[in-house]
Amino acid sequence: MTLSVLLDADVLARGTLGDLLAVMAENGLFEPLWSERILEEATRAIQAMHPDYSADRAAGRIEALRRWWPDSAVTGYADVEADLLEVDPGDRHVAAAAVRGGADVLVTKNVRHFPAAPLAARGVAVEDADDFLAAWLAAAPESLDYALSCQLSVRRVRSALDDLLTDLALDSAPRFAAAAATHFGLSIDLGEAVPKRRAQHRAARRSRPDGAADPDSPDA
């Protein structure tokens, strides 16, 4: 049975991290889940990160998810929220969607708002996105080998694997990036590479006529 993974808005809104998770889902590694409210929150997060984006551009990533996975939106979870009082009120709808959707895992960048015990009692594990990827690499490295190669192949600016891993470290997945670098035998000093990569993206943004982010940067 394919793993069901509910992706929180703070994961979906991220450029490099969100793209890798989408590629993994597209390759059949897990079934992605969300709700319309989560997708709306992700769109607002993208708009907040990129005030220079048009409304259509900001919504583009999320609209693509709706097209690719039309059956992934969980509905009818309002009644579950009342049973999850231990969860942060602002994120209770996320936990409720995970429970109602039968998710095996809720992947987020904000695990502190999702106490593990009440969700585990309902069959849902809560994992930080970085830990989720690192654990997947340890358990099934060949599947992530392929996912990363797919992500590299569709990047709009040609880049090497070490650039992609540095962008993932910059995009809240430093443990996974370090483990993947070791797995691939790459000598990357992420402590040095991440600030340099951030500076490269900022320079690229300044050089673009519209001031928009590099299309392959973590926050694009």
N, C-alpha and C. Protein backbone atom coordinates (compact mmCIF):
# COMPACT_ATOMS: atom_id res chain seq x y z
N MET A 1 0.85 -1.20 0.00
CA MET A 1 0.00 0.00 0.00
C MET A 1 0.88 1.25 0.00
N THR A 2 0.54 2.21 -0.85
CA THR A 2 1.32 3.43 -0.96
C THR A 2 1.12 4.31 0.27
N LEU A 3 2.20 4.86 0.76
CA LEU A 3 2.16 5.76 1.90
C LEU A 3 1.37 7.01 1.54
N SER A 4 0.50 7.44 2.46
CA SER A 4 -0.27 8.68 2.28
C SER A 4 0.37 9.77 3.13
N VAL A 5 0.68 10.90 2.50
CA VAL A 5 1.41 11.97 3.19
C VAL A 5 0.66 13.29 3.02
N LEU A 6 0.23 13.87 4.14
CA LEU A 6 -0.38 15.19 4.08
C LEU A 6 0.74 16.23 4.18
N LEU A 7 0.79 17.13 3.20
CA LEU A 7 1.82 18.16 3.12
C LEU A 7 1.26 19.49 3.61
N ASP A 8 1.91 20.06 4.61
CA ASP A 8 1.47 21.32 5.18
C ASP A 8 1.79 22.48 4.23
N ALA A 9 1.12 23.61 4.43
CA ALA A 9 1.31 24.77 3.56
C ALA A 9 2.75 25.27 3.58
N ASP A 10 3.42 25.19 4.75
CA ASP A 10 4.78 25.72 4.83
C ASP A 10 5.77 24.88 4.04
N VAL A 11 5.40 23.67 3.69
CA VAL A 11 6.22 22.81 2.84
C VAL A 11 5.87 23.06 1.37
N LEU A 12 4.58 23.11 1.07
CA LEU A 12 4.13 23.31 -0.31
C LEU A 12 4.59 24.64 -0.88
N ALA A 13 4.72 25.65 -0.03
CA ALA A 13 5.07 26.99 -0.51
C ALA A 13 6.53 27.14 -0.86
N ARG A 14 7.37 26.23 -0.42
CA ARG A 14 8.80 26.35 -0.66
C ARG A 14 9.17 25.87 -2.05
N GLY A 15 10.12 26.56 -2.68
CA GLY A 15 10.48 26.24 -4.05
C GLY A 15 11.18 24.90 -4.21
N THR A 16 12.42 24.79 -3.76
CA THR A 16 13.21 23.58 -3.98
C THR A 16 12.66 22.41 -3.19
N LEU A 17 12.34 22.63 -1.94
CA LEU A 17 11.80 21.57 -1.09
C LEU A 17 10.46 21.08 -1.62
N GLY A 18 9.57 21.99 -1.93
CA GLY A 18 8.26 21.61 -2.46
C GLY A 18 8.38 20.87 -3.78
N ASP A 19 9.31 21.30 -4.62
CA ASP A 19 9.51 20.63 -5.90
C ASP A 19 9.96 19.19 -5.71
N LEU A 20 10.89 18.95 -4.78
CA LEU A 20 11.37 17.59 -4.56
C LEU A 20 10.24 16.69 -4.06
N LEU A 21 9.45 17.17 -3.14
CA LEU A 21 8.33 16.37 -2.65
C LEU A 21 7.32 16.09 -3.76
N ALA A 22 7.09 17.07 -4.63
CA ALA A 22 6.18 16.86 -5.76
C ALA A 22 6.73 15.81 -6.72
N VAL A 23 8.04 15.85 -6.97
CA VAL A 23 8.66 14.86 -7.85
C VAL A 23 8.55 13.47 -7.23
N MET A 24 8.75 13.37 -5.93
CA MET A 24 8.62 12.08 -5.25
C MET A 24 7.20 11.54 -5.41
N ALA A 25 6.22 12.41 -5.22
CA ALA A 25 4.82 11.99 -5.38
C ALA A 25 4.53 11.59 -6.82
N GLU A 26 5.06 12.36 -7.75
CA GLU A 26 4.85 12.06 -9.17
C GLU A 26 5.45 10.71 -9.54
N ASN A 27 6.54 10.34 -8.88
CA ASN A 27 7.18 9.04 -9.13
C ASN A 27 6.52 7.90 -8.36
N GLY A 28 5.42 8.21 -7.66
CA GLY A 28 4.68 7.17 -6.97
C GLY A 28 5.24 6.75 -5.63
N LEU A 29 6.13 7.55 -5.06
CA LEU A 29 6.72 7.17 -3.78
C LEU A 29 5.73 7.36 -2.63
N PHE A 30 4.82 8.30 -2.77
CA PHE A 30 3.75 8.45 -1.78
C PHE A 30 2.57 9.14 -2.44
N GLU A 31 1.42 9.02 -1.78
CA GLU A 31 0.21 9.71 -2.24
C GLU A 31 0.10 11.04 -1.50
N PRO A 32 0.14 12.17 -2.21
CA PRO A 32 0.07 13.46 -1.51
C PRO A 32 -1.37 13.81 -1.13
N LEU A 33 -1.50 14.45 0.01
CA LEU A 33 -2.79 14.92 0.48
C LEU A 33 -2.65 16.36 0.97
N TRP A 34 -3.73 17.11 0.91
CA TRP A 34 -3.85 18.45 1.45
C TRP A 34 -5.32 18.79 1.52
N SER A 35 -5.65 20.00 1.85
CA SER A 35 -7.03 20.48 1.78
C SER A 35 -7.01 21.79 1.00
N GLU A 36 -8.17 22.25 0.60
CA GLU A 36 -8.23 23.53 -0.09
C GLU A 36 -7.73 24.66 0.81
N ARG A 37 -8.03 24.55 2.09
CA ARG A 37 -7.56 25.60 3.01
C ARG A 37 -6.03 25.60 3.08
N ILE A 38 -5.42 24.43 3.09
CA ILE A 38 -3.95 24.34 3.09
C ILE A 38 -3.39 24.96 1.81
N LEU A 39 -4.00 24.66 0.67
CA LEU A 39 -3.53 25.21 -0.59
C LEU A 39 -3.67 26.74 -0.61
N GLU A 40 -4.76 27.24 -0.04
CA GLU A 40 -4.94 28.69 0.03
C GLU A 40 -3.88 29.32 0.93
N GLU A 41 -3.55 28.67 2.04
CA GLU A 41 -2.50 29.18 2.92
C GLU A 41 -1.15 29.17 2.21
N ALA A 42 -0.89 28.12 1.43
CA ALA A 42 0.36 28.04 0.69
C ALA A 42 0.46 29.18 -0.33
N THR A 43 -0.64 29.47 -1.00
CA THR A 43 -0.65 30.58 -1.97
C THR A 43 -0.35 31.90 -1.27
N ARG A 44 -0.96 32.13 -0.12
CA ARG A 44 -0.70 33.37 0.61
C ARG A 44 0.75 33.45 1.08
N ALA A 45 1.32 32.29 1.46
CA ALA A 45 2.73 32.27 1.89
C ALA A 45 3.65 32.64 0.73
N ILE A 46 3.35 32.13 -0.46
CA ILE A 46 4.15 32.48 -1.64
C ILE A 46 4.04 33.97 -1.93
N GLN A 47 2.82 34.51 -1.82
CA GLN A 47 2.62 35.95 -2.05
C GLN A 47 3.39 36.78 -1.03
N ALA A 48 3.43 36.31 0.22
CA ALA A 48 4.16 37.03 1.27
C ALA A 48 5.67 37.00 1.02
N MET A 49 6.17 35.87 0.54
CA MET A 49 7.60 35.75 0.24
C MET A 49 8.00 36.53 -0.99
N HIS A 50 7.03 36.71 -1.91
CA HIS A 50 7.33 37.35 -3.19
C HIS A 50 6.29 38.44 -3.49
N PRO A 51 6.36 39.56 -2.80
CA PRO A 51 5.38 40.62 -3.05
C PRO A 51 5.47 41.18 -4.47
N ASP A 52 6.60 40.91 -5.15
CA ASP A 52 6.77 41.38 -6.53
C ASP A 52 6.04 40.50 -7.54
N TYR A 53 5.59 39.31 -7.12
CA TYR A 53 4.91 38.40 -8.03
C TYR A 53 3.49 38.90 -8.34
N SER A 54 3.05 38.65 -9.55
CA SER A 54 1.64 38.88 -9.88
C SER A 54 0.80 37.83 -9.16
N ALA A 55 -0.48 38.07 -9.03
CA ALA A 55 -1.36 37.10 -8.37
C ALA A 55 -1.33 35.76 -9.11
N ASP A 56 -1.31 35.80 -10.43
CA ASP A 56 -1.30 34.56 -11.21
C ASP A 56 -0.01 33.78 -11.00
N ARG A 57 1.10 34.51 -10.96
CA ARG A 57 2.38 33.80 -10.77
C ARG A 57 2.46 33.20 -9.37
N ALA A 58 2.01 33.93 -8.38
CA ALA A 58 2.07 33.43 -7.01
C ALA A 58 1.21 32.18 -6.85
N ALA A 59 0.09 32.14 -7.58
CA ALA A 59 -0.82 31.01 -7.47
C ALA A 59 -0.43 29.85 -8.38
N GLY A 60 0.52 30.08 -9.28
CA GLY A 60 0.83 29.07 -10.29
C GLY A 60 1.27 27.73 -9.75
N ARG A 61 2.16 27.73 -8.75
CA ARG A 61 2.65 26.47 -8.18
C ARG A 61 1.51 25.66 -7.59
N ILE A 62 0.63 26.34 -6.88
CA ILE A 62 -0.46 25.65 -6.20
C ILE A 62 -1.51 25.18 -7.21
N GLU A 63 -1.77 25.98 -8.23
CA GLU A 63 -2.71 25.55 -9.27
C GLU A 63 -2.19 24.29 -9.97
N ALA A 64 -0.88 24.19 -10.14
CA ALA A 64 -0.30 22.99 -10.75
C ALA A 64 -0.58 21.76 -9.90
N LEU A 65 -0.51 21.90 -8.59
CA LEU A 65 -0.81 20.77 -7.71
C LEU A 65 -2.26 20.33 -7.87
N ARG A 66 -3.15 21.30 -7.98
CA ARG A 66 -4.57 20.96 -8.17
C ARG A 66 -4.77 20.18 -9.47
N ARG A 67 -4.06 20.59 -10.52
CA ARG A 67 -4.20 19.91 -11.81
C ARG A 67 -3.60 18.51 -11.78
N TRP A 68 -2.43 18.37 -11.18
CA TRP A 68 -1.73 17.08 -11.19
C TRP A 68 -2.41 16.06 -10.29
N TRP A 69 -2.94 16.53 -9.17
CA TRP A 69 -3.56 15.60 -8.21
C TRP A 69 -4.97 16.10 -7.85
N PRO A 70 -5.92 15.96 -8.77
CA PRO A 70 -7.27 16.50 -8.52
C PRO A 70 -8.02 15.81 -7.39
N ASP A 71 -7.58 14.63 -7.00
CA ASP A 71 -8.29 13.89 -5.96
C ASP A 71 -7.59 13.93 -4.61
N SER A 72 -6.59 14.80 -4.46
CA SER A 72 -5.80 14.82 -3.23
C SER A 72 -6.36 15.73 -2.14
N ALA A 73 -7.34 16.56 -2.47
CA ALA A 73 -7.88 17.48 -1.48
C ALA A 73 -8.84 16.77 -0.53
N VAL A 74 -8.54 16.82 0.76
CA VAL A 74 -9.38 16.21 1.80
C VAL A 74 -10.51 17.17 2.13
N THR A 75 -11.70 16.64 2.29
CA THR A 75 -12.86 17.45 2.66
C THR A 75 -13.56 16.81 3.86
N GLY A 76 -14.52 17.52 4.43
CA GLY A 76 -15.35 16.97 5.50
C GLY A 76 -14.61 16.67 6.78
N TYR A 77 -13.68 17.52 7.16
CA TYR A 77 -12.87 17.26 8.36
C TYR A 77 -13.20 18.21 9.51
N ALA A 78 -14.17 19.09 9.33
CA ALA A 78 -14.46 20.10 10.36
C ALA A 78 -14.80 19.46 11.71
N ASP A 79 -15.54 18.35 11.69
CA ASP A 79 -15.92 17.73 12.95
C ASP A 79 -14.73 17.15 13.70
N VAL A 80 -13.66 16.80 12.97
CA VAL A 80 -12.48 16.22 13.61
C VAL A 80 -11.72 17.28 14.40
N GLU A 81 -11.81 18.53 13.96
CA GLU A 81 -11.07 19.60 14.65
C GLU A 81 -11.45 19.68 16.13
N ALA A 82 -12.70 19.45 16.43
CA ALA A 82 -13.16 19.54 17.82
C ALA A 82 -12.52 18.50 18.72
N ASP A 83 -12.01 17.42 18.12
CA ASP A 83 -11.37 16.37 18.90
C ASP A 83 -9.86 16.53 19.01
N LEU A 84 -9.34 17.63 18.48
CA LEU A 84 -7.89 17.83 18.45
C LEU A 84 -7.51 19.12 19.17
N LEU A 85 -8.01 19.28 20.37
CA LEU A 85 -7.79 20.51 21.11
C LEU A 85 -6.33 20.68 21.53
N GLU A 86 -5.56 19.60 21.54
CA GLU A 86 -4.15 19.69 21.93
C GLU A 86 -3.31 20.37 20.84
N VAL A 87 -3.83 20.40 19.63
CA VAL A 87 -3.10 20.98 18.50
C VAL A 87 -3.29 22.50 18.50
N ASP A 88 -2.25 23.23 18.08
CA ASP A 88 -2.32 24.68 17.98
C ASP A 88 -3.56 25.08 17.18
N PRO A 89 -4.36 26.03 17.69
CA PRO A 89 -5.62 26.38 17.01
C PRO A 89 -5.44 26.76 15.54
N GLY A 90 -4.36 27.46 15.23
CA GLY A 90 -4.14 27.87 13.85
C GLY A 90 -3.83 26.73 12.90
N ASP A 91 -3.39 25.61 13.46
CA ASP A 91 -3.02 24.46 12.63
C ASP A 91 -3.93 23.25 12.86
N ARG A 92 -4.98 23.46 13.63
CA ARG A 92 -5.88 22.34 13.94
C ARG A 92 -6.52 21.78 12.67
N HIS A 93 -6.82 22.66 11.73
CA HIS A 93 -7.45 22.19 10.48
C HIS A 93 -6.50 21.29 9.68
N VAL A 94 -5.20 21.53 9.81
CA VAL A 94 -4.21 20.70 9.10
C VAL A 94 -4.21 19.29 9.70
N ALA A 95 -4.16 19.22 11.02
CA ALA A 95 -4.18 17.93 11.69
C ALA A 95 -5.49 17.19 11.40
N ALA A 96 -6.60 17.92 11.41
CA ALA A 96 -7.90 17.29 11.15
C ALA A 96 -7.96 16.73 9.74
N ALA A 97 -7.41 17.46 8.77
CA ALA A 97 -7.39 16.96 7.39
C ALA A 97 -6.55 15.70 7.29
N ALA A 98 -5.43 15.67 8.03
CA ALA A 98 -4.58 14.47 8.01
C ALA A 98 -5.33 13.26 8.56
N VAL A 99 -6.05 13.47 9.65
CA VAL A 99 -6.82 12.37 10.25
C VAL A 99 -7.94 11.92 9.32
N ARG A 100 -8.74 12.86 8.85
CA ARG A 100 -9.87 12.53 7.98
C ARG A 100 -9.41 11.90 6.66
N GLY A 101 -8.27 12.35 6.16
CA GLY A 101 -7.77 11.81 4.90
C GLY A 101 -7.06 10.48 5.03
N GLY A 102 -6.87 10.01 6.26
CA GLY A 102 -6.19 8.74 6.46
C GLY A 102 -4.71 8.81 6.18
N ALA A 103 -4.11 9.98 6.41
CA ALA A 103 -2.67 10.14 6.17
C ALA A 103 -1.87 9.29 7.14
N ASP A 104 -0.81 8.72 6.63
CA ASP A 104 0.13 8.00 7.49
C ASP A 104 1.10 8.98 8.15
N VAL A 105 1.42 10.04 7.43
CA VAL A 105 2.39 11.02 7.92
C VAL A 105 1.90 12.43 7.59
N LEU A 106 2.12 13.35 8.52
CA LEU A 106 1.90 14.76 8.28
C LEU A 106 3.28 15.41 8.21
N VAL A 107 3.64 15.94 7.07
CA VAL A 107 4.97 16.54 6.87
C VAL A 107 4.84 18.06 6.94
N THR A 108 5.65 18.66 7.81
CA THR A 108 5.56 20.09 8.07
C THR A 108 6.94 20.62 8.42
N LYS A 109 7.07 21.92 8.43
CA LYS A 109 8.28 22.55 8.95
C LYS A 109 8.04 23.08 10.36
N ASN A 110 6.87 22.83 10.90
CA ASN A 110 6.46 23.43 12.16
C ASN A 110 5.93 22.36 13.12
N VAL A 111 6.77 21.38 13.42
CA VAL A 111 6.31 20.23 14.21
C VAL A 111 5.86 20.61 15.61
N ARG A 112 6.36 21.72 16.14
CA ARG A 112 6.00 22.09 17.52
C ARG A 112 4.51 22.40 17.67
N HIS A 113 3.83 22.70 16.58
CA HIS A 113 2.39 22.98 16.64
C HIS A 113 1.54 21.71 16.53
N PHE A 114 2.20 20.56 16.37
CA PHE A 114 1.47 19.31 16.19
C PHE A 114 1.97 18.27 17.20
N PRO A 115 1.43 18.26 18.41
CA PRO A 115 1.87 17.28 19.41
C PRO A 115 1.71 15.86 18.89
N ALA A 116 2.74 15.07 19.07
CA ALA A 116 2.79 13.74 18.45
C ALA A 116 1.74 12.78 19.01
N ALA A 117 1.54 12.79 20.32
CA ALA A 117 0.70 11.77 20.96
C ALA A 117 -0.73 11.73 20.44
N PRO A 118 -1.47 12.85 20.43
CA PRO A 118 -2.87 12.77 19.97
C PRO A 118 -3.00 12.38 18.50
N LEU A 119 -2.02 12.76 17.69
CA LEU A 119 -2.09 12.38 16.28
C LEU A 119 -1.67 10.92 16.09
N ALA A 120 -0.67 10.48 16.84
CA ALA A 120 -0.26 9.07 16.75
C ALA A 120 -1.41 8.16 17.17
N ALA A 121 -2.19 8.61 18.15
CA ALA A 121 -3.34 7.82 18.60
C ALA A 121 -4.37 7.66 17.50
N ARG A 122 -4.33 8.55 16.54
CA ARG A 122 -5.25 8.51 15.40
C ARG A 122 -4.57 8.00 14.13
N GLY A 123 -3.37 7.44 14.30
CA GLY A 123 -2.68 6.80 13.18
C GLY A 123 -1.85 7.69 12.31
N VAL A 124 -1.59 8.93 12.77
CA VAL A 124 -0.83 9.89 11.96
C VAL A 124 0.48 10.22 12.66
N ALA A 125 1.59 10.01 11.98
CA ALA A 125 2.89 10.43 12.49
C ALA A 125 3.17 11.85 12.01
N VAL A 126 3.86 12.63 12.83
CA VAL A 126 4.22 14.00 12.47
C VAL A 126 5.73 14.05 12.25
N GLU A 127 6.15 14.52 11.08
CA GLU A 127 7.58 14.57 10.78
C GLU A 127 7.97 15.91 10.19
N ASP A 128 9.09 16.41 10.65
CA ASP A 128 9.70 17.56 10.02
C ASP A 128 10.10 17.18 8.60
N ALA A 129 9.95 18.08 7.64
CA ALA A 129 10.24 17.77 6.24
C ALA A 129 11.67 17.30 6.06
N ASP A 130 12.60 17.91 6.77
CA ASP A 130 14.01 17.52 6.67
C ASP A 130 14.20 16.09 7.15
N ASP A 131 13.60 15.75 8.29
CA ASP A 131 13.71 14.39 8.83
C ASP A 131 13.03 13.38 7.93
N PHE A 132 11.90 13.76 7.34
CA PHE A 132 11.18 12.88 6.43
C PHE A 132 12.06 12.48 5.25
N LEU A 133 12.72 13.46 4.65
CA LEU A 133 13.59 13.18 3.51
C LEU A 133 14.82 12.38 3.92
N ALA A 134 15.42 12.74 5.06
CA ALA A 134 16.61 12.02 5.51
C ALA A 134 16.29 10.56 5.81
N ALA A 135 15.14 10.30 6.43
CA ALA A 135 14.74 8.93 6.73
C ALA A 135 14.46 8.16 5.44
N TRP A 136 13.86 8.83 4.47
CA TRP A 136 13.59 8.16 3.19
C TRP A 136 14.89 7.79 2.49
N LEU A 137 15.86 8.70 2.54
CA LEU A 137 17.15 8.42 1.93
C LEU A 137 17.81 7.22 2.58
N ALA A 138 17.71 7.13 3.90
CA ALA A 138 18.32 6.01 4.61
C ALA A 138 17.63 4.69 4.29
N ALA A 139 16.29 4.75 4.12
CA ALA A 139 15.52 3.51 3.91
C ALA A 139 15.51 3.06 2.45
N ALA A 140 15.45 4.00 1.53
CA ALA A 140 15.32 3.66 0.10
C ALA A 140 16.11 4.65 -0.74
N PRO A 141 17.43 4.60 -0.66
CA PRO A 141 18.25 5.62 -1.35
C PRO A 141 18.07 5.63 -2.86
N GLU A 142 17.82 4.46 -3.46
CA GLU A 142 17.70 4.42 -4.91
C GLU A 142 16.50 5.23 -5.40
N SER A 143 15.42 5.26 -4.61
CA SER A 143 14.25 6.01 -5.04
C SER A 143 14.51 7.52 -5.01
N LEU A 144 15.28 7.97 -4.04
CA LEU A 144 15.62 9.39 -3.99
C LEU A 144 16.71 9.74 -4.99
N ASP A 145 17.57 8.78 -5.32
CA ASP A 145 18.53 9.01 -6.40
C ASP A 145 17.76 9.44 -7.66
N TYR A 146 16.73 8.68 -7.96
CA TYR A 146 15.95 8.94 -9.18
C TYR A 146 15.18 10.26 -9.07
N ALA A 147 14.58 10.51 -7.89
CA ALA A 147 13.81 11.74 -7.71
C ALA A 147 14.70 12.97 -7.87
N LEU A 148 15.89 12.91 -7.31
CA LEU A 148 16.80 14.05 -7.43
C LEU A 148 17.26 14.25 -8.87
N SER A 149 17.50 13.14 -9.57
CA SER A 149 17.91 13.26 -10.98
C SER A 149 16.77 13.86 -11.81
N CYS A 150 15.52 13.49 -11.49
CA CYS A 150 14.37 14.08 -12.18
C CYS A 150 14.27 15.57 -11.89
N GLN A 151 14.47 15.94 -10.64
CA GLN A 151 14.39 17.35 -10.29
C GLN A 151 15.47 18.15 -11.01
N LEU A 152 16.67 17.60 -11.10
CA LEU A 152 17.74 18.28 -11.82
C LEU A 152 17.38 18.46 -13.30
N SER A 153 16.74 17.45 -13.87
CA SER A 153 16.46 17.48 -15.31
C SER A 153 15.43 18.55 -15.68
N VAL A 154 14.57 18.93 -14.74
CA VAL A 154 13.53 19.91 -15.06
C VAL A 154 13.85 21.31 -14.55
N ARG A 155 15.01 21.48 -13.91
CA ARG A 155 15.38 22.82 -13.47
C ARG A 155 15.55 23.74 -14.68
N ARG A 156 15.07 24.93 -14.53
CA ARG A 156 15.09 25.85 -15.66
C ARG A 156 16.47 26.43 -15.94
N VAL A 157 17.33 26.39 -14.93
CA VAL A 157 18.71 26.80 -15.10
C VAL A 157 19.58 25.58 -14.82
N ARG A 158 20.43 25.21 -15.79
CA ARG A 158 21.25 24.01 -15.63
C ARG A 158 22.11 24.13 -14.37
N SER A 159 22.08 23.11 -13.54
CA SER A 159 22.88 23.12 -12.33
C SER A 159 23.32 21.71 -11.99
N ALA A 160 24.30 21.62 -11.13
CA ALA A 160 24.85 20.33 -10.73
C ALA A 160 24.16 19.87 -9.44
N LEU A 161 24.39 18.61 -9.10
CA LEU A 161 23.77 18.04 -7.91
C LEU A 161 24.19 18.79 -6.66
N ASP A 162 25.44 19.21 -6.59
CA ASP A 162 25.86 19.91 -5.38
C ASP A 162 25.11 21.24 -5.22
N ASP A 163 24.76 21.89 -6.36
CA ASP A 163 23.96 23.12 -6.27
C ASP A 163 22.56 22.82 -5.75
N LEU A 164 21.97 21.73 -6.25
CA LEU A 164 20.62 21.35 -5.80
C LEU A 164 20.62 21.02 -4.32
N LEU A 165 21.61 20.26 -3.85
CA LEU A 165 21.66 19.90 -2.44
C LEU A 165 21.90 21.14 -1.57
N THR A 166 22.71 22.06 -2.06
CA THR A 166 22.93 23.31 -1.31
C THR A 166 21.64 24.10 -1.22
N ASP A 167 20.87 24.14 -2.33
CA ASP A 167 19.57 24.83 -2.30
C ASP A 167 18.61 24.16 -1.32
N LEU A 168 18.65 22.83 -1.24
CA LEU A 168 17.79 22.13 -0.28
C LEU A 168 18.20 22.44 1.15
N ALA A 169 19.51 22.54 1.39
CA ALA A 169 19.98 22.93 2.73
C ALA A 169 19.51 24.34 3.05
N LEU A 170 19.55 25.21 2.06
CA LEU A 170 19.09 26.59 2.23
C LEU A 170 17.59 26.64 2.44
N ASP A 171 16.89 25.64 1.93
CA ASP A 171 15.43 25.60 1.97
C ASP A 171 14.91 24.70 3.08
N SER A 172 15.60 24.70 4.23
CA SER A 172 15.14 24.01 5.45
C SER A 172 15.31 22.50 5.44
N ALA A 173 16.23 21.97 4.62
CA ALA A 173 16.50 20.53 4.66
C ALA A 173 18.00 20.28 4.76
N PRO A 174 18.68 20.87 5.77
CA PRO A 174 20.14 20.73 5.85
C PRO A 174 20.60 19.32 6.21
N ARG A 175 19.85 18.62 7.05
CA ARG A 175 20.27 17.26 7.43
C ARG A 175 20.16 16.32 6.24
N PHE A 176 19.08 16.44 5.49
CA PHE A 176 18.94 15.62 4.30
C PHE A 176 20.03 15.95 3.29
N ALA A 177 20.30 17.24 3.08
CA ALA A 177 21.32 17.63 2.11
C ALA A 177 22.68 17.06 2.49
N ALA A 178 23.02 17.12 3.78
CA ALA A 178 24.31 16.58 4.23
C ALA A 178 24.37 15.07 4.03
N ALA A 179 23.28 14.38 4.37
CA ALA A 179 23.25 12.92 4.20
C ALA A 179 23.32 12.54 2.73
N ALA A 180 22.63 13.29 1.88
CA ALA A 180 22.65 13.00 0.45
C ALA A 180 24.03 13.26 -0.14
N ALA A 181 24.69 14.32 0.31
CA ALA A 181 26.04 14.59 -0.17
C ALA A 181 26.97 13.44 0.17
N THR A 182 26.86 12.92 1.39
CA THR A 182 27.67 11.77 1.78
C THR A 182 27.32 10.55 0.94
N HIS A 183 26.03 10.33 0.73
CA HIS A 183 25.57 9.19 -0.07
C HIS A 183 26.15 9.23 -1.48
N PHE A 184 26.20 10.41 -2.08
CA PHE A 184 26.69 10.55 -3.44
C PHE A 184 28.21 10.76 -3.52
N GLY A 185 28.87 10.78 -2.37
CA GLY A 185 30.31 10.96 -2.36
C GLY A 185 30.75 12.37 -2.74
N LEU A 186 29.91 13.36 -2.44
CA LEU A 186 30.24 14.74 -2.77
C LEU A 186 30.88 15.42 -1.57
N SER A 187 31.89 16.19 -1.82
CA SER A 187 32.56 16.94 -0.75
C SER A 187 32.01 18.37 -0.74
N ILE A 188 30.95 18.56 0.02
CA ILE A 188 30.33 19.88 0.11
C ILE A 188 30.40 20.36 1.55
N ASP A 189 31.01 21.50 1.77
CA ASP A 189 30.99 22.14 3.08
C ASP A 189 29.75 23.03 3.11
N LEU A 190 28.63 22.49 3.62
CA LEU A 190 27.38 23.25 3.57
C LEU A 190 27.45 24.53 4.39
N GLY A 191 28.26 24.52 5.44
CA GLY A 191 28.41 25.73 6.24
C GLY A 191 28.99 26.87 5.42
N GLU A 192 29.80 26.53 4.45
CA GLU A 192 30.38 27.54 3.55
C GLU A 192 29.54 27.72 2.29
N ALA A 193 29.01 26.61 1.77
CA ALA A 193 28.29 26.66 0.50
C ALA A 193 26.95 27.38 0.59
N VAL A 194 26.23 27.21 1.70
CA VAL A 194 24.89 27.80 1.82
C VAL A 194 24.94 29.33 1.76
N PRO A 195 25.80 30.00 2.55
CA PRO A 195 25.84 31.47 2.43
C PRO A 195 26.25 31.94 1.03
N LYS A 196 27.18 31.22 0.38
CA LYS A 196 27.58 31.60 -0.97
C LYS A 196 26.42 31.44 -1.94
N ARG A 197 25.67 30.34 -1.78
CA ARG A 197 24.54 30.09 -2.67
C ARG A 197 23.46 31.14 -2.47
N ARG A 198 23.24 31.52 -1.21
CA ARG A 198 22.25 32.57 -0.92
C ARG A 198 22.66 33.87 -1.60
N ALA A 199 23.94 34.20 -1.53
CA ALA A 199 24.43 35.42 -2.15
C ALA A 199 24.26 35.36 -3.67
N GLN A 200 24.49 34.17 -4.26
CA GLN A 200 24.31 34.01 -5.71
C GLN A 200 22.85 34.28 -6.11
N HIS A 201 21.92 33.72 -5.34
CA HIS A 201 20.51 33.92 -5.66
C HIS A 201 20.12 35.39 -5.52
N ARG A 202 20.65 36.06 -4.49
CA ARG A 202 20.33 37.48 -4.31
C ARG A 202 20.88 38.30 -5.47
N ALA A 203 22.11 37.98 -5.91
CA ALA A 203 22.70 38.70 -7.03
C ALA A 203 21.90 38.46 -8.30
N ALA A 204 21.46 37.20 -8.50
CA ALA A 204 20.66 36.88 -9.69
C ALA A 204 19.35 37.65 -9.66
N ARG A 205 18.77 37.76 -8.47
CA ARG A 205 17.50 38.49 -8.35
C ARG A 205 17.68 39.96 -8.70
N ARG A 206 18.78 40.55 -8.20
CA ARG A 206 19.02 41.97 -8.48
C ARG A 206 19.25 42.21 -9.97
N SER A 207 19.80 41.21 -10.66
CA SER A 207 20.12 41.38 -12.07
C SER A 207 18.93 41.19 -13.00
N ARG A 208 17.84 40.60 -12.47
CA ARG A 208 16.66 40.35 -13.31
C ARG A 208 15.87 41.65 -13.47
N PRO A 209 15.38 41.94 -14.67
CA PRO A 209 14.67 43.21 -14.91
C PRO A 209 13.50 43.44 -13.98
N ASP A 210 12.78 42.35 -13.64
CA ASP A 210 11.60 42.50 -12.79
C ASP A 210 11.90 42.33 -11.32
N GLY A 211 13.18 42.06 -11.00
CA GLY A 211 13.55 41.88 -9.60
C GLY A 211 13.05 40.59 -9.00
N ALA A 212 12.55 39.67 -9.82
CA ALA A 212 11.99 38.43 -9.32
C ALA A 212 13.08 37.44 -8.97
N ALA A 213 12.69 36.44 -8.18
CA ALA A 213 13.65 35.43 -7.75
C ALA A 213 14.11 34.58 -8.92
N ASP A 214 15.35 34.09 -8.81
CA ASP A 214 15.86 33.07 -9.71
C ASP A 214 14.83 31.94 -9.75
N PRO A 215 14.37 31.50 -10.92
CA PRO A 215 13.31 30.49 -10.98
C PRO A 215 13.66 29.17 -10.31
N ASP A 216 14.95 28.89 -10.09
CA ASP A 216 15.34 27.66 -9.43
C ASP A 216 15.83 27.90 -8.00
N SER A 217 15.66 29.09 -7.47
CA SER A 217 16.09 29.34 -6.10
C SER A 217 15.12 28.68 -5.14
N PRO A 218 15.56 28.43 -3.89
CA PRO A 218 14.67 27.76 -2.94
C PRO A 218 13.34 28.44 -2.72
N ASP A 219 13.32 29.77 -2.79
CA ASP A 219 12.06 30.47 -2.50
C ASP A 219 11.36 30.95 -3.75
N ALA A 220 11.72 30.37 -4.92
CA ALA A 220 11.04 30.79 -6.15
C ALA A 220 9.66 30.18 -6.22
